[in-house]
């Protein structure tokens, strides 16, 4: 059994070992990038053509379009710390008499098979894409033409993604700052080419303590018991 100063020194050494081991196993961040499995638009009259993947959002030719984005979420067990939606905006994708517009993302209650199907007169789906729980907003302008527009999503979106782990999830998009002009839109002309439509999810993982760290904790506890016993005997 360790005695006196030796035992105290041993405890100090073990404490230093444990602290050092835990410091070298910090939380790590992982990034998951998911391409949209489908995108499209619904007009204010409720028309949607399933073969048209254009995600123009706003008023074009006097008719309002709202967009949707569908993602197949993989199984995610680690906590989500941030989410971004990244969308290509073509060189002429933004048009408006206003200096900027507000693009907003919403939850979608419509079932995904119905959302993706060709529809006529489905005004309820059009309404669904621009109402409900907000998942994030982004101010857009002519400066965003020819760029990759990034929208940071909020905690409600993170919660929805966590719940949808292992299944499909849809987001609705609308311009919520429309002023009634004939043309006020963003993401125009996105039905051709291969635009980026990605959901970027960042998670964090806290590693389990190593076996050596666990052993050090056990040794520290053992040494503490020894000190207690030694103190008890010295009082007799």
C-alpha atoms as a PDB file:
ATOM      1  CA  UNK A   1       0.000   0.000   0.000  1.00  0.00           C
ATOM      2  CA  UNK A   2       1.258   3.493  -0.848  1.00  0.00           C
ATOM      3  CA  UNK A   3       2.009   5.714   2.176  1.00  0.00           C
ATOM      4  CA  UNK A   4       2.231   9.437   3.001  1.00  0.00           C
ATOM      5  CA  UNK A   5       3.648  11.714   0.361  1.00  0.00           C
ATOM      6  CA  UNK A   6       4.104   8.840  -2.125  1.00  0.00           C
ATOM      7  CA  UNK A   7       0.375   8.163  -2.233  1.00  0.00           C
ATOM      8  CA  UNK A   8      -0.457  11.873  -2.635  1.00  0.00           C
ATOM      9  CA  UNK A   9       2.052  12.129  -5.446  1.00  0.00           C
ATOM     10  CA  UNK A  10       0.586   9.069  -7.116  1.00  0.00           C
ATOM     11  CA  UNK A  11      -2.926  10.595  -6.965  1.00  0.00           C
ATOM     12  CA  UNK A  12      -1.623  13.806  -8.488  1.00  0.00           C
ATOM     13  CA  UNK A  13       0.025  11.852 -11.311  1.00  0.00           C
ATOM     14  CA  UNK A  14      -3.141   9.870 -12.076  1.00  0.00           C
ATOM     15  CA  UNK A  15      -5.233  13.053 -12.033  1.00  0.00           C
ATOM     16  CA  UNK A  16      -2.837  14.609 -14.553  1.00  0.00           C
ATOM     17  CA  UNK A  17      -3.056  11.508 -16.733  1.00  0.00           C
ATOM     18  CA  UNK A  18      -6.863  11.524 -16.760  1.00  0.00           C
ATOM     19  CA  UNK A  19      -7.040  15.230 -17.548  1.00  0.00           C
ATOM     20  CA  UNK A  20      -4.552  14.856 -20.374  1.00  0.00           C
ATOM     21  CA  UNK A  21      -6.339  11.879 -21.886  1.00  0.00           C
ATOM     22  CA  UNK A  22      -9.700  13.615 -21.913  1.00  0.00           C
ATOM     23  CA  UNK A  23      -8.183  16.738 -23.474  1.00  0.00           C
ATOM     24  CA  UNK A  24      -6.836  14.798 -26.459  1.00  0.00           C
ATOM     25  CA  UNK A  25     -10.290  13.393 -27.369  1.00  0.00           C
ATOM     26  CA  UNK A  26     -12.297  16.519 -28.311  1.00  0.00           C
ATOM     27  CA  UNK A  27     -15.644  16.504 -30.112  1.00  0.00           C
ATOM     28  CA  UNK A  28     -15.318  16.134 -33.876  1.00  0.00           C
ATOM     29  CA  UNK A  29     -17.494  17.692 -36.595  1.00  0.00           C
ATOM     30  CA  UNK A  30     -18.713  15.719 -39.607  1.00  0.00           C
ATOM     31  CA  UNK A  31     -20.288  17.223 -42.733  1.00  0.00           C
ATOM     32  CA  UNK A  32     -22.924  15.427 -44.793  1.00  0.00           C
ATOM     33  CA  UNK A  33     -23.816  16.841 -48.220  1.00  0.00           C
ATOM     34  CA  UNK A  34     -27.036  15.583 -49.819  1.00  0.00           C
ATOM     35  CA  UNK A  35     -28.185  16.410 -53.346  1.00  0.00           C
ATOM     36  CA  UNK A  36     -31.912  16.973 -53.832  1.00  0.00           C
ATOM     37  CA  UNK A  37     -33.764  13.952 -55.174  1.00  0.00           C
ATOM     38  CA  UNK A  38     -36.387  16.242 -56.703  1.00  0.00           C
ATOM     39  CA  UNK A  39     -37.248  19.924 -57.146  1.00  0.00           C
ATOM     40  CA  UNK A  40     -40.114  21.736 -58.823  1.00  0.00           C
ATOM     41  CA  UNK A  41     -42.618  24.576 -58.722  1.00  0.00           C
ATOM     42  CA  UNK A  42     -46.348  25.077 -58.226  1.00  0.00           C
ATOM     43  CA  UNK A  43     -48.141  28.034 -59.762  1.00  0.00           C
ATOM     44  CA  UNK A  44     -50.773  30.016 -57.865  1.00  0.00           C
ATOM     45  CA  UNK A  45     -53.409  28.087 -59.844  1.00  0.00           C
ATOM     46  CA  UNK A  46     -52.018  24.825 -58.424  1.00  0.00           C
ATOM     47  CA  UNK A  47     -50.349  23.543 -61.608  1.00  0.00           C
ATOM     48  CA  UNK A  48     -47.232  21.376 -61.408  1.00  0.00           C
ATOM     49  CA  UNK A  49     -45.517  19.320 -64.107  1.00  0.00           C
ATOM     50  CA  UNK A  50     -43.478  16.485 -62.580  1.00  0.00           C
ATOM     51  CA  UNK A  51     -40.888  16.492 -65.397  1.00  0.00           C
ATOM     52  CA  UNK A  52     -40.058  20.181 -64.855  1.00  0.00           C
ATOM     53  CA  UNK A  53     -37.301  20.476 -62.223  1.00  0.00           C
ATOM     54  CA  UNK A  54     -37.121  24.285 -62.428  1.00  0.00           C
ATOM     55  CA  UNK A  55     -37.290  25.872 -58.955  1.00  0.00           C
ATOM     56  CA  UNK A  56     -38.081  29.450 -59.963  1.00  0.00           C
ATOM     57  CA  UNK A  57     -39.564  31.264 -56.965  1.00  0.00           C
ATOM     58  CA  UNK A  58     -41.595  34.469 -57.168  1.00  0.00           C
ATOM     59  CA  UNK A  59     -43.705  36.156 -59.858  1.00  0.00           C
ATOM     60  CA  UNK A  60     -42.828  35.423 -63.471  1.00  0.00           C
ATOM     61  CA  UNK A  61     -45.025  36.822 -66.257  1.00  0.00           C
ATOM     62  CA  UNK A  62     -47.589  37.868 -63.675  1.00  0.00           C
ATOM     63  CA  UNK A  63     -48.002  34.363 -62.187  1.00  0.00           C
ATOM     64  CA  UNK A  64     -46.570  33.430 -58.804  1.00  0.00           C
ATOM     65  CA  UNK A  65     -44.470  30.287 -58.465  1.00  0.00           C
ATOM     66  CA  UNK A  66     -43.497  28.576 -55.238  1.00  0.00           C
ATOM     67  CA  UNK A  67     -40.773  25.956 -55.150  1.00  0.00           C
ATOM     68  CA  UNK A  68     -40.088  22.708 -53.343  1.00  0.00           C
ATOM     69  CA  UNK A  69     -36.959  20.675 -52.605  1.00  0.00           C
ATOM     70  CA  UNK A  70     -36.974  16.981 -51.618  1.00  0.00           C
ATOM     71  CA  UNK A  71     -34.035  15.295 -49.875  1.00  0.00           C
ATOM     72  CA  UNK A  72     -33.475  11.693 -48.819  1.00  0.00           C
ATOM     73  CA  UNK A  73     -32.102  12.115 -45.303  1.00  0.00           C
ATOM     74  CA  UNK A  74     -29.647   9.386 -44.258  1.00  0.00           C
ATOM     75  CA  UNK A  75     -29.728   7.870 -40.783  1.00  0.00           C
ATOM     76  CA  UNK A  76     -28.227  10.488 -38.474  1.00  0.00           C
ATOM     77  CA  UNK A  77     -27.526   9.626 -34.832  1.00  0.00           C
ATOM     78  CA  UNK A  78     -25.110  12.440 -33.899  1.00  0.00           C
ATOM     79  CA  UNK A  79     -26.458  15.861 -32.823  1.00  0.00           C
ATOM     80  CA  UNK A  80     -26.936  18.331 -35.687  1.00  0.00           C
ATOM     81  CA  UNK A  81     -25.216  21.672 -35.090  1.00  0.00           C
ATOM     82  CA  UNK A  82     -25.893  23.470 -38.393  1.00  0.00           C
ATOM     83  CA  UNK A  83     -27.691  23.039 -41.717  1.00  0.00           C
ATOM     84  CA  UNK A  84     -27.394  24.988 -44.970  1.00  0.00           C
ATOM     85  CA  UNK A  85     -29.368  24.789 -48.195  1.00  0.00           C
ATOM     86  CA  UNK A  86     -27.187  25.621 -51.205  1.00  0.00           C
ATOM     87  CA  UNK A  87     -28.880  26.517 -54.508  1.00  0.00           C
ATOM     88  CA  UNK A  88     -27.479  27.613 -57.847  1.00  0.00           C
ATOM     89  CA  UNK A  89     -28.850  30.950 -59.026  1.00  0.00           C
ATOM     90  CA  UNK A  90     -28.153  31.397 -62.768  1.00  0.00           C
ATOM     91  CA  UNK A  91     -26.641  34.527 -64.288  1.00  0.00           C
ATOM     92  CA  UNK A  92     -30.131  35.901 -64.977  1.00  0.00           C
ATOM     93  CA  UNK A  93     -31.833  34.073 -62.101  1.00  0.00           C
ATOM     94  CA  UNK A  94     -32.787  37.200 -60.127  1.00  0.00           C
ATOM     95  CA  UNK A  95     -35.121  39.779 -61.660  1.00  0.00           C
ATOM     96  CA  UNK A  96     -37.045  42.439 -59.731  1.00  0.00           C
ATOM     97  CA  UNK A  97     -37.699  46.189 -59.762  1.00  0.00           C
ATOM     98  CA  UNK A  98     -36.817  46.085 -56.057  1.00  0.00           C
ATOM     99  CA  UNK A  99     -33.208  46.147 -54.827  1.00  0.00           C
ATOM    100  CA  UNK A 100     -33.780  42.906 -52.914  1.00  0.00           C
ATOM    101  CA  UNK A 101     -36.379  40.245 -52.126  1.00  0.00           C
ATOM    102  CA  UNK A 102     -36.810  37.833 -49.217  1.00  0.00           C
ATOM    103  CA  UNK A 103     -36.644  34.091 -49.938  1.00  0.00           C
ATOM    104  CA  UNK A 104     -38.144  31.986 -47.161  1.00  0.00           C
ATOM    105  CA  UNK A 105     -38.248  28.235 -46.543  1.00  0.00           C
ATOM    106  CA  UNK A 106     -41.189  26.431 -44.925  1.00  0.00           C
ATOM    107  CA  UNK A 107     -42.198  22.986 -43.738  1.00  0.00           C
ATOM    108  CA  UNK A 108     -44.293  20.898 -46.154  1.00  0.00           C
ATOM    109  CA  UNK A 109     -47.308  18.920 -44.914  1.00  0.00           C
ATOM    110  CA  UNK A 110     -48.251  17.531 -48.331  1.00  0.00           C
ATOM    111  CA  UNK A 111     -47.188  13.902 -48.795  1.00  0.00           C
ATOM    112  CA  UNK A 112     -44.099  13.653 -50.968  1.00  0.00           C
ATOM    113  CA  UNK A 113     -45.632  11.311 -53.596  1.00  0.00           C
ATOM    114  CA  UNK A 114     -48.493  13.790 -54.095  1.00  0.00           C
ATOM    115  CA  UNK A 115     -46.100  16.750 -54.065  1.00  0.00           C
ATOM    116  CA  UNK A 116     -43.966  15.243 -56.829  1.00  0.00           C
ATOM    117  CA  UNK A 117     -46.846  14.150 -59.072  1.00  0.00           C
ATOM    118  CA  UNK A 118     -48.207  16.207 -61.960  1.00  0.00           C
ATOM    119  CA  UNK A 119     -51.113  18.226 -60.568  1.00  0.00           C
ATOM    120  CA  UNK A 120     -53.715  20.647 -61.885  1.00  0.00           C
ATOM    121  CA  UNK A 121     -55.722  22.965 -59.655  1.00  0.00           C
ATOM    122  CA  UNK A 122     -53.890  21.914 -56.462  1.00  0.00           C
ATOM    123  CA  UNK A 123     -53.967  25.340 -54.832  1.00  0.00           C
ATOM    124  CA  UNK A 124     -53.722  23.722 -51.396  1.00  0.00           C
ATOM    125  CA  UNK A 125     -50.219  22.481 -52.275  1.00  0.00           C
ATOM    126  CA  UNK A 126     -49.250  25.928 -53.549  1.00  0.00           C
ATOM    127  CA  UNK A 127     -50.446  27.403 -50.238  1.00  0.00           C
ATOM    128  CA  UNK A 128     -48.583  24.720 -48.270  1.00  0.00           C
ATOM    129  CA  UNK A 129     -45.256  25.660 -49.887  1.00  0.00           C
ATOM    130  CA  UNK A 130     -45.422  29.209 -48.556  1.00  0.00           C
ATOM    131  CA  UNK A 131     -46.932  28.822 -45.093  1.00  0.00           C
ATOM    132  CA  UNK A 132     -46.471  27.014 -41.792  1.00  0.00           C
ATOM    133  CA  UNK A 133     -43.244  26.622 -39.839  1.00  0.00           C
ATOM    134  CA  UNK A 134     -40.399  28.793 -41.119  1.00  0.00           C
ATOM    135  CA  UNK A 135     -37.093  26.981 -41.660  1.00  0.00           C
ATOM    136  CA  UNK A 136     -34.995  30.008 -42.591  1.00  0.00           C
ATOM    137  CA  UNK A 137     -34.827  33.187 -44.680  1.00  0.00           C
ATOM    138  CA  UNK A 138     -32.323  34.776 -47.031  1.00  0.00           C
ATOM    139  CA  UNK A 139     -32.254  38.229 -48.621  1.00  0.00           C
ATOM    140  CA  UNK A 140     -31.528  37.876 -52.353  1.00  0.00           C
ATOM    141  CA  UNK A 141     -30.622  40.489 -54.949  1.00  0.00           C
ATOM    142  CA  UNK A 142     -29.043  40.949 -58.353  1.00  0.00           C
ATOM    143  CA  UNK A 143     -25.671  40.462 -56.626  1.00  0.00           C
ATOM    144  CA  UNK A 144     -26.628  36.786 -56.250  1.00  0.00           C
ATOM    145  CA  UNK A 145     -26.850  36.221 -60.004  1.00  0.00           C
ATOM    146  CA  UNK A 146     -24.349  33.637 -61.158  1.00  0.00           C
ATOM    147  CA  UNK A 147     -23.606  32.492 -57.584  1.00  0.00           C
ATOM    148  CA  UNK A 148     -24.323  29.638 -55.212  1.00  0.00           C
ATOM    149  CA  UNK A 149     -26.912  31.008 -52.785  1.00  0.00           C
ATOM    150  CA  UNK A 150     -26.547  29.637 -49.247  1.00  0.00           C
ATOM    151  CA  UNK A 151     -29.484  29.714 -46.814  1.00  0.00           C
ATOM    152  CA  UNK A 152     -28.752  28.900 -43.159  1.00  0.00           C
ATOM    153  CA  UNK A 153     -31.569  26.858 -41.642  1.00  0.00           C
ATOM    154  CA  UNK A 154     -32.850  27.279 -38.091  1.00  0.00           C
ATOM    155  CA  UNK A 155     -33.390  24.928 -35.138  1.00  0.00           C
ATOM    156  CA  UNK A 156     -36.881  23.984 -36.375  1.00  0.00           C
ATOM    157  CA  UNK A 157     -35.322  22.682 -39.588  1.00  0.00           C
ATOM    158  CA  UNK A 158     -32.658  20.790 -37.623  1.00  0.00           C
ATOM    159  CA  UNK A 159     -35.383  19.146 -35.559  1.00  0.00           C
ATOM    160  CA  UNK A 160     -37.314  18.185 -38.693  1.00  0.00           C
ATOM    161  CA  UNK A 161     -34.192  16.671 -40.259  1.00  0.00           C
ATOM    162  CA  UNK A 162     -33.472  14.674 -37.103  1.00  0.00           C
ATOM    163  CA  UNK A 163     -37.062  13.369 -37.073  1.00  0.00           C
ATOM    164  CA  UNK A 164     -36.863  12.497 -40.790  1.00  0.00           C
ATOM    165  CA  UNK A 165     -33.609  10.542 -40.337  1.00  0.00           C
ATOM    166  CA  UNK A 166     -33.672   7.603 -42.746  1.00  0.00           C
ATOM    167  CA  UNK A 167     -36.569   8.977 -44.830  1.00  0.00           C
ATOM    168  CA  UNK A 168     -37.484  11.780 -47.262  1.00  0.00           C
ATOM    169  CA  UNK A 169     -38.110  15.404 -46.268  1.00  0.00           C
ATOM    170  CA  UNK A 170     -39.400  18.344 -48.324  1.00  0.00           C
ATOM    171  CA  UNK A 171     -38.909  22.096 -47.988  1.00  0.00           C
ATOM    172  CA  UNK A 172     -41.162  24.729 -49.546  1.00  0.00           C
ATOM    173  CA  UNK A 173     -39.829  28.015 -50.913  1.00  0.00           C
ATOM    174  CA  UNK A 174     -41.540  31.374 -51.462  1.00  0.00           C
ATOM    175  CA  UNK A 175     -40.664  35.033 -51.948  1.00  0.00           C
ATOM    176  CA  UNK A 176     -42.414  36.737 -49.036  1.00  0.00           C
ATOM    177  CA  UNK A 177     -41.649  40.310 -50.103  1.00  0.00           C
ATOM    178  CA  UNK A 178     -43.542  40.439 -53.411  1.00  0.00           C
ATOM    179  CA  UNK A 179     -44.856  43.855 -54.411  1.00  0.00           C
ATOM    180  CA  UNK A 180     -47.113  42.936 -57.318  1.00  0.00           C
ATOM    181  CA  UNK A 181     -44.787  43.602 -60.258  1.00  0.00           C
ATOM    182  CA  UNK A 182     -44.972  41.433 -63.385  1.00  0.00           C
ATOM    183  CA  UNK A 183     -41.522  39.935 -62.736  1.00  0.00           C
ATOM    184  CA  UNK A 184     -40.091  39.490 -59.231  1.00  0.00           C
ATOM    185  CA  UNK A 185     -38.296  36.181 -58.976  1.00  0.00           C
ATOM    186  CA  UNK A 186     -35.139  34.334 -58.021  1.00  0.00           C
ATOM    187  CA  UNK A 187     -33.716  30.986 -59.229  1.00  0.00           C
ATOM    188  CA  UNK A 188     -35.174  31.598 -62.661  1.00  0.00           C
ATOM    189  CA  UNK A 189     -34.163  29.368 -65.588  1.00  0.00           C
ATOM    190  CA  UNK A 190     -33.001  26.499 -63.346  1.00  0.00           C
ATOM    191  CA  UNK A 191     -34.725  23.776 -65.371  1.00  0.00           C
ATOM    192  CA  UNK A 192     -31.669  23.111 -67.530  1.00  0.00           C
ATOM    193  CA  UNK A 193     -28.103  22.071 -66.851  1.00  0.00           C
ATOM    194  CA  UNK A 194     -27.001  20.588 -63.534  1.00  0.00           C
ATOM    195  CA  UNK A 195     -27.609  23.222 -60.858  1.00  0.00           C
ATOM    196  CA  UNK A 196     -26.445  22.585 -57.310  1.00  0.00           C
ATOM    197  CA  UNK A 197     -29.325  21.776 -54.979  1.00  0.00           C
ATOM    198  CA  UNK A 198     -27.614  20.543 -51.826  1.00  0.00           C
ATOM    199  CA  UNK A 199     -28.424  20.202 -48.159  1.00  0.00           C
ATOM    200  CA  UNK A 200     -25.249  20.470 -46.067  1.00  0.00           C
ATOM    201  CA  UNK A 201     -25.607  19.037 -42.558  1.00  0.00           C
ATOM    202  CA  UNK A 202     -22.914  19.415 -39.884  1.00  0.00           C
ATOM    203  CA  UNK A 203     -23.010  17.053 -36.915  1.00  0.00           C
ATOM    204  CA  UNK A 204     -20.824  16.736 -33.838  1.00  0.00           C
ATOM    205  CA  UNK A 205     -19.583  13.544 -32.208  1.00  0.00           C
ATOM    206  CA  UNK A 206     -18.080  13.273 -28.724  1.00  0.00           C
ATOM    207  CA  UNK A 207     -15.705  10.241 -28.612  1.00  0.00           C
ATOM    208  CA  UNK A 208     -16.062   7.710 -25.831  1.00  0.00           C
ATOM    209  CA  UNK A 209     -13.283   7.841 -23.200  1.00  0.00           C
ATOM    210  CA  UNK A 210     -10.396   5.562 -24.127  1.00  0.00           C
ATOM    211  CA  UNK A 211      -9.736   2.360 -22.229  1.00  0.00           C
ATOM    212  CA  UNK A 212      -6.559   3.911 -20.783  1.00  0.00           C
ATOM    213  CA  UNK A 213      -8.535   6.870 -19.484  1.00  0.00           C
ATOM    214  CA  UNK A 214     -11.031   4.521 -17.841  1.00  0.00           C
ATOM    215  CA  UNK A 215      -8.167   2.599 -16.228  1.00  0.00           C
ATOM    216  CA  UNK A 216      -6.672   5.843 -14.935  1.00  0.00           C
ATOM    217  CA  UNK A 217      -9.993   6.769 -13.348  1.00  0.00           C
ATOM    218  CA  UNK A 218     -10.092   3.369 -11.640  1.00  0.00           C
ATOM    219  CA  UNK A 219      -6.569   3.850 -10.332  1.00  0.00           C
ATOM    220  CA  UNK A 220      -7.469   7.276  -9.021  1.00  0.00           C
ATOM    221  CA  UNK A 221     -10.463   5.867  -7.166  1.00  0.00           C
ATOM    222  CA  UNK A 222      -8.304   3.053  -5.762  1.00  0.00           C
ATOM    223  CA  UNK A 223      -5.725   5.534  -4.541  1.00  0.00           C
ATOM    224  CA  UNK A 224      -8.464   7.620  -2.920  1.00  0.00           C
ATOM    225  CA  UNK A 225      -9.742   4.590  -1.043  1.00  0.00           C
ATOM    226  CA  UNK A 226      -6.208   3.861   0.108  1.00  0.00           C
ATOM    227  CA  UNK A 227      -5.817   7.405   1.429  1.00  0.00           C
ATOM    228  CA  UNK A 228      -9.073   7.139   3.326  1.00  0.00           C
ATOM    229  CA  UNK A 229      -8.035   3.873   4.929  1.00  0.00           C
ATOM    230  CA  UNK A 230      -4.620   5.273   5.775  1.00  0.00           C
ATOM    231  CA  UNK A 231      -6.160   8.324   7.451  1.00  0.00           C
ATOM    232  CA  UNK A 232      -8.531   6.122   9.437  1.00  0.00           C
ATOM    233  CA  UNK A 233      -5.707   3.942  10.740  1.00  0.00           C
ATOM    234  CA  UNK A 234      -3.563   6.938  11.727  1.00  0.00           C
ATOM    235  CA  UNK A 235      -6.352   8.206  14.010  1.00  0.00           C
ATOM    236  CA  UNK A 236      -6.511   4.949  15.990  1.00  0.00           C
END
